[in-house]
Amino acid sequence: MTGGERVRGGQIQRWVAAVFKPAGVGVGVTVLASVVPFVGLLAPAIGGGVASQVKKSGDGSGPRIGVVTGALVVLLSLPMTFFAVAVAATVSPIATVGVLGMALIGAVYVIGSSALGGYLADELAEGHRSSKDATRQLTPATTGGSASPIERLKRRYVDGEIDDDEFERRLERLVTIEGVGKQAGDRGVKGREQRPNQRETTVPAHER
């Protein structure tokens, strides 16, 4: 196996762990919530929201996690669907078509509700994290000064608020921004150092 294949294999494993692990938890929550009175219709949305919170996304991946959760729920319900179709086939073709139509509508509802639950949970998590970031910006760091953006990002990663991929993506962006700011500051310092020399070499007109 080449190095590139190992890298791709590792990326696939991380993606599967990041998506299917929380989706599996969401499926379990959906199944449990579906048997609770007056909550059954909201079970897919609840499961999708829980799956998004398990992943601790806050990066816009909540709907995707919700879709995977809903799709897994639909797959688990396929044996029951096939049984219902087989029973309907013994009655009449119209009953078979009706059962298939209801199964299709149910699948769309489950996946759509689960995606909506993931989206709402994602938005709530992002709003909560934004408020925490604003509070941390107003709170002095333990070193006596305000914490830098990279320090705040590291603290969020240690606290488990963001996963590995989100941490690396935001860290790369912050490093790039700080690098650009440092280059601009260096150019400004060089410009200030050169201006006095230029004034010294300029001879007034009345001394020529």
N, C-alpha and C. Protein backbone atom coordinates (compact mmCIF):
# COMPACT_ATOMS: atom_id res chain seq x y z
N MET A 1 0.85 -1.20 0.00
CA MET A 1 0.00 0.00 0.00
C MET A 1 0.88 1.25 0.00
N THR A 2 0.64 2.15 -0.93
CA THR A 2 1.43 3.37 -1.04
C THR A 2 1.03 4.37 0.03
N GLY A 3 1.89 5.43 0.14
CA GLY A 3 1.59 6.46 1.13
C GLY A 3 0.29 7.17 0.85
N GLY A 4 0.01 7.44 -0.45
CA GLY A 4 -1.24 8.11 -0.79
C GLY A 4 -2.46 7.28 -0.44
N GLU A 5 -2.36 5.95 -0.65
CA GLU A 5 -3.49 5.08 -0.32
C GLU A 5 -3.71 5.04 1.19
N ARG A 6 -2.62 5.05 1.96
CA ARG A 6 -2.77 5.06 3.41
C ARG A 6 -3.42 6.35 3.89
N VAL A 7 -3.03 7.47 3.26
CA VAL A 7 -3.63 8.75 3.64
C VAL A 7 -5.12 8.75 3.33
N ARG A 8 -5.48 8.27 2.12
CA ARG A 8 -6.90 8.22 1.76
C ARG A 8 -7.67 7.28 2.68
N GLY A 9 -7.03 6.14 3.01
CA GLY A 9 -7.68 5.21 3.93
C GLY A 9 -7.91 5.83 5.29
N GLY A 10 -6.92 6.60 5.78
CA GLY A 10 -7.09 7.27 7.06
C GLY A 10 -8.18 8.33 7.01
N GLN A 11 -8.26 9.05 5.89
CA GLN A 11 -9.30 10.06 5.75
C GLN A 11 -10.68 9.42 5.73
N ILE A 12 -10.82 8.29 5.05
CA ILE A 12 -12.11 7.60 5.00
C ILE A 12 -12.50 7.11 6.39
N GLN A 13 -11.53 6.57 7.12
CA GLN A 13 -11.82 6.09 8.47
C GLN A 13 -12.26 7.23 9.37
N ARG A 14 -11.58 8.38 9.27
CA ARG A 14 -11.98 9.52 10.09
C ARG A 14 -13.36 10.01 9.72
N TRP A 15 -13.66 10.00 8.40
CA TRP A 15 -14.98 10.46 7.96
C TRP A 15 -16.07 9.52 8.47
N VAL A 16 -15.82 8.22 8.37
CA VAL A 16 -16.80 7.24 8.86
C VAL A 16 -17.02 7.41 10.35
N ALA A 17 -15.91 7.58 11.10
CA ALA A 17 -16.05 7.75 12.55
C ALA A 17 -16.76 9.04 12.90
N ALA A 18 -16.51 10.10 12.10
CA ALA A 18 -17.10 11.40 12.40
C ALA A 18 -18.57 11.47 12.01
N VAL A 19 -19.01 10.62 11.07
CA VAL A 19 -20.39 10.69 10.57
C VAL A 19 -21.25 9.56 11.14
N PHE A 20 -20.78 8.33 11.00
CA PHE A 20 -21.64 7.20 11.35
C PHE A 20 -21.71 6.95 12.86
N LYS A 21 -20.70 7.34 13.60
CA LYS A 21 -20.78 7.17 15.05
C LYS A 21 -21.89 8.03 15.65
N PRO A 22 -21.91 9.35 15.39
CA PRO A 22 -23.03 10.15 15.91
C PRO A 22 -24.36 9.77 15.28
N ALA A 23 -24.33 9.36 13.99
CA ALA A 23 -25.58 8.95 13.34
C ALA A 23 -26.16 7.71 14.01
N GLY A 24 -25.29 6.79 14.42
CA GLY A 24 -25.77 5.60 15.12
C GLY A 24 -26.45 5.95 16.44
N VAL A 25 -25.86 6.92 17.15
CA VAL A 25 -26.50 7.38 18.39
C VAL A 25 -27.85 8.01 18.08
N GLY A 26 -27.89 8.80 16.99
CA GLY A 26 -29.16 9.42 16.60
C GLY A 26 -30.22 8.41 16.25
N VAL A 27 -29.83 7.30 15.60
CA VAL A 27 -30.79 6.25 15.27
C VAL A 27 -31.38 5.65 16.54
N GLY A 28 -30.52 5.38 17.52
CA GLY A 28 -31.02 4.83 18.78
C GLY A 28 -32.00 5.76 19.47
N VAL A 29 -31.68 7.06 19.46
CA VAL A 29 -32.58 8.04 20.08
C VAL A 29 -33.89 8.11 19.31
N THR A 30 -33.81 8.03 17.98
CA THR A 30 -35.04 8.07 17.17
C THR A 30 -35.95 6.90 17.48
N VAL A 31 -35.37 5.71 17.59
CA VAL A 31 -36.17 4.52 17.88
C VAL A 31 -36.82 4.62 19.26
N LEU A 32 -36.04 5.08 20.24
CA LEU A 32 -36.59 5.20 21.59
C LEU A 32 -37.68 6.27 21.66
N ALA A 33 -37.44 7.41 20.99
CA ALA A 33 -38.42 8.49 21.04
C ALA A 33 -39.69 8.14 20.28
N SER A 34 -39.59 7.25 19.30
CA SER A 34 -40.77 6.92 18.49
C SER A 34 -41.83 6.16 19.27
N VAL A 35 -41.44 5.53 20.39
CA VAL A 35 -42.42 4.77 21.17
C VAL A 35 -42.99 5.60 22.33
N VAL A 36 -42.51 6.84 22.47
CA VAL A 36 -43.02 7.70 23.54
C VAL A 36 -44.29 8.38 23.05
N PRO A 37 -45.37 8.34 23.83
CA PRO A 37 -46.62 8.98 23.40
C PRO A 37 -46.44 10.47 23.14
N PHE A 38 -47.10 10.95 22.09
CA PHE A 38 -47.11 12.36 21.70
C PHE A 38 -45.74 12.87 21.22
N VAL A 39 -44.76 12.01 21.13
CA VAL A 39 -43.43 12.42 20.70
C VAL A 39 -43.00 11.68 19.43
N GLY A 40 -43.74 10.63 19.08
CA GLY A 40 -43.33 9.79 17.97
C GLY A 40 -43.11 10.53 16.67
N LEU A 41 -43.97 11.51 16.35
CA LEU A 41 -43.82 12.24 15.09
C LEU A 41 -42.56 13.11 15.08
N LEU A 42 -42.11 13.51 16.25
CA LEU A 42 -40.90 14.34 16.34
C LEU A 42 -39.63 13.52 16.53
N ALA A 43 -39.77 12.20 16.58
CA ALA A 43 -38.62 11.35 16.86
C ALA A 43 -37.48 11.54 15.86
N PRO A 44 -37.75 11.60 14.53
CA PRO A 44 -36.62 11.80 13.60
C PRO A 44 -35.87 13.11 13.83
N ALA A 45 -36.62 14.19 14.10
CA ALA A 45 -35.96 15.48 14.35
C ALA A 45 -35.13 15.43 15.63
N ILE A 46 -35.66 14.77 16.65
CA ILE A 46 -34.91 14.64 17.90
C ILE A 46 -33.64 13.83 17.68
N GLY A 47 -33.76 12.73 16.94
CA GLY A 47 -32.58 11.91 16.67
C GLY A 47 -31.53 12.65 15.86
N GLY A 48 -31.96 13.40 14.85
CA GLY A 48 -31.00 14.18 14.06
C GLY A 48 -30.31 15.25 14.89
N GLY A 49 -31.07 15.89 15.79
CA GLY A 49 -30.47 16.91 16.65
C GLY A 49 -29.46 16.32 17.61
N VAL A 50 -29.80 15.17 18.19
CA VAL A 50 -28.86 14.52 19.11
C VAL A 50 -27.59 14.09 18.38
N ALA A 51 -27.75 13.56 17.17
CA ALA A 51 -26.58 13.15 16.39
C ALA A 51 -25.66 14.33 16.10
N SER A 52 -26.25 15.49 15.78
CA SER A 52 -25.44 16.68 15.53
C SER A 52 -24.71 17.12 16.78
N GLN A 53 -25.36 17.01 17.94
CA GLN A 53 -24.72 17.40 19.19
C GLN A 53 -23.61 16.42 19.58
N VAL A 54 -23.80 15.14 19.27
CA VAL A 54 -22.76 14.16 19.58
C VAL A 54 -21.50 14.47 18.79
N LYS A 55 -21.67 14.86 17.53
CA LYS A 55 -20.51 15.21 16.71
C LYS A 55 -19.91 16.55 17.14
N LYS A 56 -20.72 17.38 17.82
CA LYS A 56 -20.28 18.72 18.23
C LYS A 56 -19.80 19.49 17.02
N SER A 57 -20.65 19.50 15.99
CA SER A 57 -20.21 20.09 14.73
C SER A 57 -20.13 21.61 14.81
N GLY A 58 -21.28 22.27 14.75
CA GLY A 58 -21.26 23.72 14.73
C GLY A 58 -20.57 24.28 13.51
N ASP A 59 -20.32 23.45 12.51
CA ASP A 59 -19.61 23.88 11.32
C ASP A 59 -20.46 23.72 10.06
N GLY A 60 -21.76 23.58 10.24
CA GLY A 60 -22.64 23.43 9.09
C GLY A 60 -22.87 22.00 8.67
N SER A 61 -22.30 21.03 9.39
CA SER A 61 -22.47 19.62 9.01
C SER A 61 -23.66 18.97 9.69
N GLY A 62 -24.40 19.72 10.50
CA GLY A 62 -25.55 19.16 11.20
C GLY A 62 -26.59 18.55 10.26
N PRO A 63 -27.00 19.26 9.19
CA PRO A 63 -27.98 18.66 8.27
C PRO A 63 -27.47 17.37 7.63
N ARG A 64 -26.18 17.33 7.30
CA ARG A 64 -25.62 16.12 6.69
C ARG A 64 -25.68 14.95 7.67
N ILE A 65 -25.33 15.21 8.93
CA ILE A 65 -25.43 14.16 9.94
C ILE A 65 -26.87 13.72 10.11
N GLY A 66 -27.79 14.69 10.06
CA GLY A 66 -29.21 14.35 10.18
C GLY A 66 -29.70 13.49 9.03
N VAL A 67 -29.25 13.79 7.81
CA VAL A 67 -29.65 12.99 6.65
C VAL A 67 -29.16 11.55 6.80
N VAL A 68 -27.91 11.38 7.23
CA VAL A 68 -27.37 10.03 7.43
C VAL A 68 -28.17 9.30 8.51
N THR A 69 -28.50 10.01 9.58
CA THR A 69 -29.29 9.40 10.65
C THR A 69 -30.65 8.94 10.13
N GLY A 70 -31.33 9.83 9.40
CA GLY A 70 -32.64 9.46 8.85
C GLY A 70 -32.56 8.31 7.87
N ALA A 71 -31.51 8.30 7.03
CA ALA A 71 -31.35 7.21 6.06
C ALA A 71 -31.14 5.87 6.76
N LEU A 72 -30.38 5.88 7.85
CA LEU A 72 -30.18 4.63 8.59
C LEU A 72 -31.48 4.15 9.22
N VAL A 73 -32.29 5.09 9.70
CA VAL A 73 -33.59 4.70 10.26
C VAL A 73 -34.47 4.06 9.19
N VAL A 74 -34.45 4.65 7.99
CA VAL A 74 -35.25 4.10 6.88
C VAL A 74 -34.75 2.70 6.52
N LEU A 75 -33.44 2.51 6.50
CA LEU A 75 -32.90 1.19 6.19
C LEU A 75 -33.33 0.15 7.23
N LEU A 76 -33.33 0.55 8.48
CA LEU A 76 -33.75 -0.38 9.53
C LEU A 76 -35.23 -0.75 9.41
N SER A 77 -36.01 0.15 8.84
CA SER A 77 -37.45 -0.12 8.72
C SER A 77 -37.81 -0.88 7.44
N LEU A 78 -36.82 -1.17 6.59
CA LEU A 78 -37.11 -1.86 5.32
C LEU A 78 -37.75 -3.24 5.52
N PRO A 79 -37.27 -4.07 6.46
CA PRO A 79 -37.94 -5.37 6.63
C PRO A 79 -39.43 -5.24 6.92
N MET A 80 -39.79 -4.29 7.77
CA MET A 80 -41.21 -4.08 8.06
C MET A 80 -41.96 -3.60 6.82
N THR A 81 -41.29 -2.76 6.02
CA THR A 81 -41.93 -2.28 4.79
C THR A 81 -42.17 -3.42 3.81
N PHE A 82 -41.16 -4.28 3.64
CA PHE A 82 -41.33 -5.43 2.74
C PHE A 82 -42.46 -6.35 3.21
N PHE A 83 -42.55 -6.52 4.52
CA PHE A 83 -43.63 -7.37 5.05
C PHE A 83 -44.99 -6.75 4.75
N ALA A 84 -45.11 -5.43 4.93
CA ALA A 84 -46.38 -4.76 4.66
C ALA A 84 -46.73 -4.85 3.18
N VAL A 85 -45.73 -4.72 2.30
CA VAL A 85 -45.99 -4.82 0.86
C VAL A 85 -46.44 -6.23 0.50
N ALA A 86 -45.81 -7.24 1.11
CA ALA A 86 -46.19 -8.62 0.82
C ALA A 86 -47.63 -8.90 1.26
N VAL A 87 -48.01 -8.37 2.40
CA VAL A 87 -49.38 -8.56 2.86
C VAL A 87 -50.36 -7.84 1.94
N ALA A 88 -50.00 -6.62 1.54
CA ALA A 88 -50.88 -5.85 0.66
C ALA A 88 -51.02 -6.51 -0.70
N ALA A 89 -49.96 -7.18 -1.16
CA ALA A 89 -50.01 -7.85 -2.47
C ALA A 89 -51.03 -8.98 -2.48
N THR A 90 -51.28 -9.57 -1.33
CA THR A 90 -52.28 -10.64 -1.26
C THR A 90 -53.70 -10.10 -1.28
N VAL A 91 -53.82 -8.80 -1.06
CA VAL A 91 -55.16 -8.18 -1.03
C VAL A 91 -55.54 -7.69 -2.42
N SER A 92 -54.76 -6.72 -2.93
CA SER A 92 -55.05 -6.17 -4.25
C SER A 92 -53.88 -5.33 -4.71
N PRO A 93 -53.76 -5.10 -6.02
CA PRO A 93 -52.70 -4.22 -6.51
C PRO A 93 -52.82 -2.80 -5.97
N ILE A 94 -54.05 -2.34 -5.80
CA ILE A 94 -54.24 -0.98 -5.29
C ILE A 94 -53.67 -0.86 -3.87
N ALA A 95 -53.90 -1.89 -3.06
CA ALA A 95 -53.36 -1.87 -1.70
C ALA A 95 -51.83 -1.87 -1.72
N THR A 96 -51.26 -2.60 -2.67
CA THR A 96 -49.79 -2.63 -2.78
C THR A 96 -49.24 -1.26 -3.12
N VAL A 97 -49.88 -0.60 -4.10
CA VAL A 97 -49.44 0.74 -4.48
C VAL A 97 -49.59 1.71 -3.31
N GLY A 98 -50.69 1.57 -2.58
CA GLY A 98 -50.90 2.44 -1.43
C GLY A 98 -49.84 2.27 -0.37
N VAL A 99 -49.48 1.02 -0.09
CA VAL A 99 -48.44 0.77 0.92
C VAL A 99 -47.09 1.32 0.46
N LEU A 100 -46.77 1.12 -0.81
CA LEU A 100 -45.50 1.64 -1.33
C LEU A 100 -45.47 3.17 -1.27
N GLY A 101 -46.60 3.80 -1.60
CA GLY A 101 -46.66 5.26 -1.54
C GLY A 101 -46.49 5.77 -0.12
N MET A 102 -47.14 5.12 0.83
CA MET A 102 -47.00 5.53 2.23
C MET A 102 -45.57 5.32 2.72
N ALA A 103 -44.95 4.22 2.27
CA ALA A 103 -43.56 3.97 2.68
C ALA A 103 -42.63 5.04 2.13
N LEU A 104 -42.87 5.46 0.89
CA LEU A 104 -42.03 6.50 0.29
C LEU A 104 -42.21 7.84 1.00
N ILE A 105 -43.46 8.19 1.28
CA ILE A 105 -43.72 9.44 2.00
C ILE A 105 -43.09 9.39 3.40
N GLY A 106 -43.21 8.24 4.05
CA GLY A 106 -42.62 8.10 5.37
C GLY A 106 -41.10 8.25 5.35
N ALA A 107 -40.46 7.67 4.32
CA ALA A 107 -39.00 7.78 4.22
C ALA A 107 -38.58 9.23 4.02
N VAL A 108 -39.30 9.95 3.15
CA VAL A 108 -38.97 11.36 2.92
C VAL A 108 -39.17 12.17 4.20
N TYR A 109 -40.24 11.88 4.92
CA TYR A 109 -40.51 12.60 6.16
C TYR A 109 -39.42 12.35 7.20
N VAL A 110 -39.01 11.09 7.34
CA VAL A 110 -38.00 10.74 8.35
C VAL A 110 -36.67 11.42 8.03
N ILE A 111 -36.24 11.33 6.77
CA ILE A 111 -34.95 11.91 6.40
C ILE A 111 -35.00 13.44 6.49
N GLY A 112 -36.10 14.03 6.00
CA GLY A 112 -36.22 15.49 6.07
C GLY A 112 -36.29 16.01 7.49
N SER A 113 -37.06 15.35 8.34
CA SER A 113 -37.16 15.78 9.74
C SER A 113 -35.83 15.63 10.46
N SER A 114 -35.13 14.55 10.18
CA SER A 114 -33.84 14.33 10.81
C SER A 114 -32.83 15.40 10.38
N ALA A 115 -32.85 15.75 9.08
CA ALA A 115 -31.96 16.81 8.60
C ALA A 115 -32.31 18.15 9.25
N LEU A 116 -33.60 18.42 9.41
CA LEU A 116 -34.03 19.66 10.07
C LEU A 116 -33.57 19.69 11.52
N GLY A 117 -33.69 18.56 12.21
CA GLY A 117 -33.22 18.50 13.59
C GLY A 117 -31.73 18.74 13.70
N GLY A 118 -30.96 18.17 12.76
CA GLY A 118 -29.51 18.41 12.76
C GLY A 118 -29.17 19.86 12.49
N TYR A 119 -29.92 20.49 11.58
CA TYR A 119 -29.68 21.90 11.26
C TYR A 119 -29.97 22.79 12.47
N LEU A 120 -31.11 22.56 13.12
CA LEU A 120 -31.47 23.39 14.28
C LEU A 120 -30.47 23.21 15.42
N ALA A 121 -30.07 21.98 15.66
CA ALA A 121 -29.08 21.73 16.72
C ALA A 121 -27.75 22.39 16.38
N ASP A 122 -27.39 22.37 15.10
CA ASP A 122 -26.15 23.01 14.66
C ASP A 122 -26.20 24.51 14.90
N GLU A 123 -27.33 25.13 14.56
CA GLU A 123 -27.47 26.57 14.75
C GLU A 123 -27.44 26.94 16.23
N LEU A 124 -28.10 26.15 17.06
CA LEU A 124 -28.09 26.43 18.50
C LEU A 124 -26.68 26.30 19.07
N ALA A 125 -25.96 25.27 18.63
CA ALA A 125 -24.59 25.07 19.12
C ALA A 125 -23.69 26.21 18.69
N GLU A 126 -23.84 26.67 17.45
CA GLU A 126 -23.00 27.76 16.96
C GLU A 126 -23.29 29.05 17.70
N GLY A 127 -24.58 29.31 17.97
CA GLY A 127 -24.92 30.50 18.74
C GLY A 127 -24.38 30.45 20.15
N HIS A 128 -24.43 29.28 20.77
CA HIS A 128 -23.90 29.13 22.12
C HIS A 128 -22.39 29.34 22.15
N ARG A 129 -21.70 28.80 21.15
CA ARG A 129 -20.25 28.95 21.10
C ARG A 129 -19.85 30.39 20.82
N SER A 130 -20.63 31.07 19.99
CA SER A 130 -20.33 32.47 19.70
C SER A 130 -20.46 33.32 20.96
N SER A 131 -21.50 33.04 21.76
CA SER A 131 -21.67 33.80 23.00
C SER A 131 -20.54 33.50 23.98
N LYS A 132 -20.08 32.24 24.02
CA LYS A 132 -18.97 31.90 24.90
C LYS A 132 -17.69 32.57 24.44
N ASP A 133 -17.48 32.65 23.12
CA ASP A 133 -16.30 33.33 22.60
C ASP A 133 -16.33 34.80 22.97
N ALA A 134 -17.51 35.42 22.85
CA ALA A 134 -17.62 36.84 23.19
C ALA A 134 -17.32 37.06 24.67
N THR A 135 -17.78 36.14 25.52
CA THR A 135 -17.50 36.26 26.95
C THR A 135 -16.02 36.10 27.24
N ARG A 136 -15.38 35.17 26.55
CA ARG A 136 -13.95 34.95 26.77
C ARG A 136 -13.12 36.13 26.29
N GLN A 137 -13.58 36.81 25.24
CA GLN A 137 -12.85 37.98 24.76
C GLN A 137 -12.89 39.11 25.79
N LEU A 138 -13.95 39.16 26.58
CA LEU A 138 -14.06 40.21 27.60
C LEU A 138 -13.42 39.81 28.92
N THR A 139 -13.03 38.53 29.05
CA THR A 139 -12.46 38.04 30.29
C THR A 139 -10.95 37.94 30.16
N PRO A 140 -10.16 38.54 31.04
CA PRO A 140 -8.71 38.45 30.95
C PRO A 140 -8.25 37.01 31.08
N ALA A 141 -7.20 36.68 30.38
CA ALA A 141 -6.64 35.34 30.44
C ALA A 141 -5.88 35.16 31.74
N THR A 142 -5.54 33.93 32.07
CA THR A 142 -4.83 33.64 33.32
C THR A 142 -3.43 34.22 33.31
N THR A 143 -2.89 34.54 32.14
CA THR A 143 -1.54 35.11 32.07
C THR A 143 -1.53 36.59 32.34
N GLY A 144 -2.71 37.20 32.52
CA GLY A 144 -2.76 38.62 32.85
C GLY A 144 -3.22 39.47 31.70
N GLY A 145 -3.30 38.95 30.48
CA GLY A 145 -3.76 39.72 29.34
C GLY A 145 -4.89 39.01 28.65
N SER A 146 -5.35 39.59 27.56
CA SER A 146 -6.43 38.97 26.80
C SER A 146 -5.89 37.79 26.02
N ALA A 147 -6.65 36.70 25.99
CA ALA A 147 -6.23 35.50 25.27
C ALA A 147 -6.27 35.76 23.77
N SER A 148 -5.27 35.26 23.06
CA SER A 148 -5.23 35.41 21.62
C SER A 148 -6.25 34.48 20.97
N PRO A 149 -6.60 34.73 19.70
CA PRO A 149 -7.55 33.83 19.03
C PRO A 149 -7.08 32.39 19.00
N ILE A 150 -5.78 32.17 18.81
CA ILE A 150 -5.27 30.80 18.79
C ILE A 150 -5.40 30.15 20.16
N GLU A 151 -5.16 30.91 21.23
CA GLU A 151 -5.31 30.36 22.58
C GLU A 151 -6.76 30.00 22.86
N ARG A 152 -7.69 30.86 22.41
CA ARG A 152 -9.11 30.55 22.61
C ARG A 152 -9.51 29.31 21.81
N LEU A 153 -8.95 29.18 20.59
CA LEU A 153 -9.25 28.01 19.78
C LEU A 153 -8.73 26.74 20.44
N LYS A 154 -7.52 26.81 20.99
CA LYS A 154 -6.96 25.65 21.69
C LYS A 154 -7.81 25.28 22.90
N ARG A 155 -8.31 26.30 23.61
CA ARG A 155 -9.13 26.03 24.79
C ARG A 155 -10.43 25.33 24.39
N ARG A 156 -11.03 25.77 23.28
CA ARG A 156 -12.25 25.13 22.80
C ARG A 156 -11.99 23.68 22.40
N TYR A 157 -10.83 23.44 21.79
CA TYR A 157 -10.49 22.07 21.38
C TYR A 157 -10.28 21.18 22.60
N VAL A 158 -9.59 21.71 23.62
CA VAL A 158 -9.35 20.93 24.84
C VAL A 158 -10.67 20.66 25.56
N ASP A 159 -11.58 21.63 25.53
CA ASP A 159 -12.88 21.45 26.18
C ASP A 159 -13.80 20.51 25.42
N GLY A 160 -13.38 20.10 24.21
CA GLY A 160 -14.20 19.19 23.42
C GLY A 160 -15.32 19.85 22.66
N GLU A 161 -15.24 21.18 22.47
CA GLU A 161 -16.31 21.89 21.77
C GLU A 161 -16.20 21.71 20.25
N ILE A 162 -15.00 21.45 19.73
CA ILE A 162 -14.81 21.24 18.30
C ILE A 162 -13.99 19.98 18.10
N ASP A 163 -14.16 19.35 16.93
CA ASP A 163 -13.44 18.12 16.65
C ASP A 163 -12.10 18.42 15.98
N ASP A 164 -11.38 17.36 15.61
CA ASP A 164 -10.04 17.52 15.04
C ASP A 164 -10.06 18.30 13.73
N ASP A 165 -10.98 17.95 12.84
CA ASP A 165 -11.02 18.60 11.53
C ASP A 165 -11.33 20.09 11.67
N GLU A 166 -12.30 20.43 12.52
CA GLU A 166 -12.65 21.84 12.70
C GLU A 166 -11.50 22.61 13.33
N PHE A 167 -10.79 21.99 14.29
CA PHE A 167 -9.66 22.65 14.93
C PHE A 167 -8.55 22.95 13.92
N GLU A 168 -8.22 21.96 13.08
CA GLU A 168 -7.16 22.16 12.10
C GLU A 168 -7.55 23.21 11.07
N ARG A 169 -8.83 23.22 10.65
CA ARG A 169 -9.27 24.20 9.65
C ARG A 169 -9.20 25.62 10.20
N ARG A 170 -9.68 25.82 11.43
CA ARG A 170 -9.67 27.16 12.00
C ARG A 170 -8.27 27.60 12.38
N LEU A 171 -7.44 26.66 12.84
CA LEU A 171 -6.06 27.01 13.19
C LEU A 171 -5.30 27.47 11.95
N GLU A 172 -5.48 26.77 10.84
CA GLU A 172 -4.81 27.16 9.60
C GLU A 172 -5.24 28.56 9.16
N ARG A 173 -6.54 28.86 9.32
CA ARG A 173 -7.03 30.19 8.94
C ARG A 173 -6.43 31.27 9.84
N LEU A 174 -6.36 31.01 11.15
CA LEU A 174 -5.81 32.00 12.07
C LEU A 174 -4.32 32.23 11.81
N VAL A 175 -3.59 31.16 11.54
CA VAL A 175 -2.16 31.31 11.26
C VAL A 175 -1.95 32.13 10.01
N THR A 176 -2.79 31.90 8.99
CA THR A 176 -2.67 32.68 7.75
C THR A 176 -2.96 34.15 8.00
N ILE A 177 -4.02 34.44 8.78
CA ILE A 177 -4.37 35.83 9.07
C ILE A 177 -3.27 36.52 9.86
N GLU A 178 -2.72 35.84 10.86
CA GLU A 178 -1.66 36.44 11.66
C GLU A 178 -0.40 36.67 10.83
N GLY A 179 -0.12 35.73 9.88
CA GLY A 179 1.04 35.91 9.01
C GLY A 179 0.91 37.14 8.13
N VAL A 180 -0.30 37.35 7.58
CA VAL A 180 -0.53 38.54 6.74
C VAL A 180 -0.40 39.81 7.57
N GLY A 181 -0.96 39.80 8.79
CA GLY A 181 -0.85 40.97 9.65
C GLY A 181 0.58 41.29 10.04
N LYS A 182 1.38 40.24 10.28
CA LYS A 182 2.78 40.46 10.65
C LYS A 182 3.56 41.06 9.49
N GLN A 183 3.31 40.57 8.26
CA GLN A 183 4.00 41.12 7.10
C GLN A 183 3.65 42.59 6.90
N ALA A 184 2.36 42.93 7.09
CA ALA A 184 1.96 44.33 6.95
C ALA A 184 2.63 45.19 8.01
N GLY A 185 2.74 44.67 9.24
CA GLY A 185 3.40 45.43 10.30
C GLY A 185 4.88 45.63 10.02
N ASP A 186 5.55 44.60 9.48
CA ASP A 186 6.97 44.73 9.15
C ASP A 186 7.19 45.78 8.07
N ARG A 187 6.29 45.80 7.07
CA ARG A 187 6.44 46.81 6.01
C ARG A 187 6.25 48.21 6.58
N GLY A 188 5.32 48.36 7.54
CA GLY A 188 5.10 49.67 8.14
C GLY A 188 6.31 50.13 8.93
N VAL A 189 6.96 49.21 9.66
CA VAL A 189 8.15 49.58 10.44
C VAL A 189 9.28 49.99 9.52
N LYS A 190 9.48 49.23 8.44
CA LYS A 190 10.54 49.58 7.49
C LYS A 190 10.29 50.94 6.86
N GLY A 191 9.02 51.24 6.56
CA GLY A 191 8.70 52.53 5.97
C GLY A 191 9.01 53.67 6.91
N ARG A 192 8.70 53.49 8.21
CA ARG A 192 8.98 54.54 9.19
C ARG A 192 10.47 54.72 9.39
N GLU A 193 11.25 53.62 9.28
CA GLU A 193 12.70 53.73 9.43
C GLU A 193 13.34 54.44 8.25
N GLN A 194 12.74 54.33 7.07
CA GLN A 194 13.32 54.94 5.88
C GLN A 194 12.97 56.41 5.75
N ARG A 195 11.84 56.85 6.27
CA ARG A 195 11.41 58.23 6.08
C ARG A 195 12.37 59.25 6.70
N PRO A 196 12.90 59.05 7.93
CA PRO A 196 13.85 60.03 8.46
C PRO A 196 15.09 60.17 7.60
N ASN A 197 15.60 59.08 7.05
CA ASN A 197 16.77 59.14 6.19
C ASN A 197 16.48 59.96 4.94
N GLN A 198 15.27 59.80 4.41
CA GLN A 198 14.91 60.56 3.22
C GLN A 198 14.84 62.05 3.54
N ARG A 199 14.34 62.41 4.74
CA ARG A 199 14.26 63.82 5.10
C ARG A 199 15.65 64.40 5.32
N GLU A 200 16.59 63.58 5.86
CA GLU A 200 17.93 64.07 6.12
C GLU A 200 18.68 64.34 4.83
N THR A 201 18.43 63.55 3.79
CA THR A 201 19.16 63.72 2.54
C THR A 201 18.54 64.79 1.66
N THR A 202 17.40 65.34 2.05
CA THR A 202 16.76 66.39 1.25
C THR A 202 17.33 67.75 1.66
N VAL A 203 17.86 68.49 0.70
CA VAL A 203 18.48 69.79 0.97
C VAL A 203 17.46 70.88 0.73
N PRO A 204 17.25 71.78 1.69
CA PRO A 204 16.29 72.87 1.48
C PRO A 204 16.67 73.71 0.27
N ALA A 205 15.68 74.35 -0.33
CA ALA A 205 15.90 75.11 -1.57
C ALA A 205 16.79 76.32 -1.33
N HIS A 206 16.71 77.01 -0.13
CA HIS A 206 17.47 78.24 0.08
C HIS A 206 18.94 77.96 0.36
N GLU A 207 19.33 76.66 0.62
CA GLU A 207 20.73 76.32 0.87
C GLU A 207 21.44 75.87 -0.38
N ARG A 208 20.70 75.69 -1.50
CA ARG A 208 21.36 75.22 -2.72
C ARG A 208 22.16 76.36 -3.37
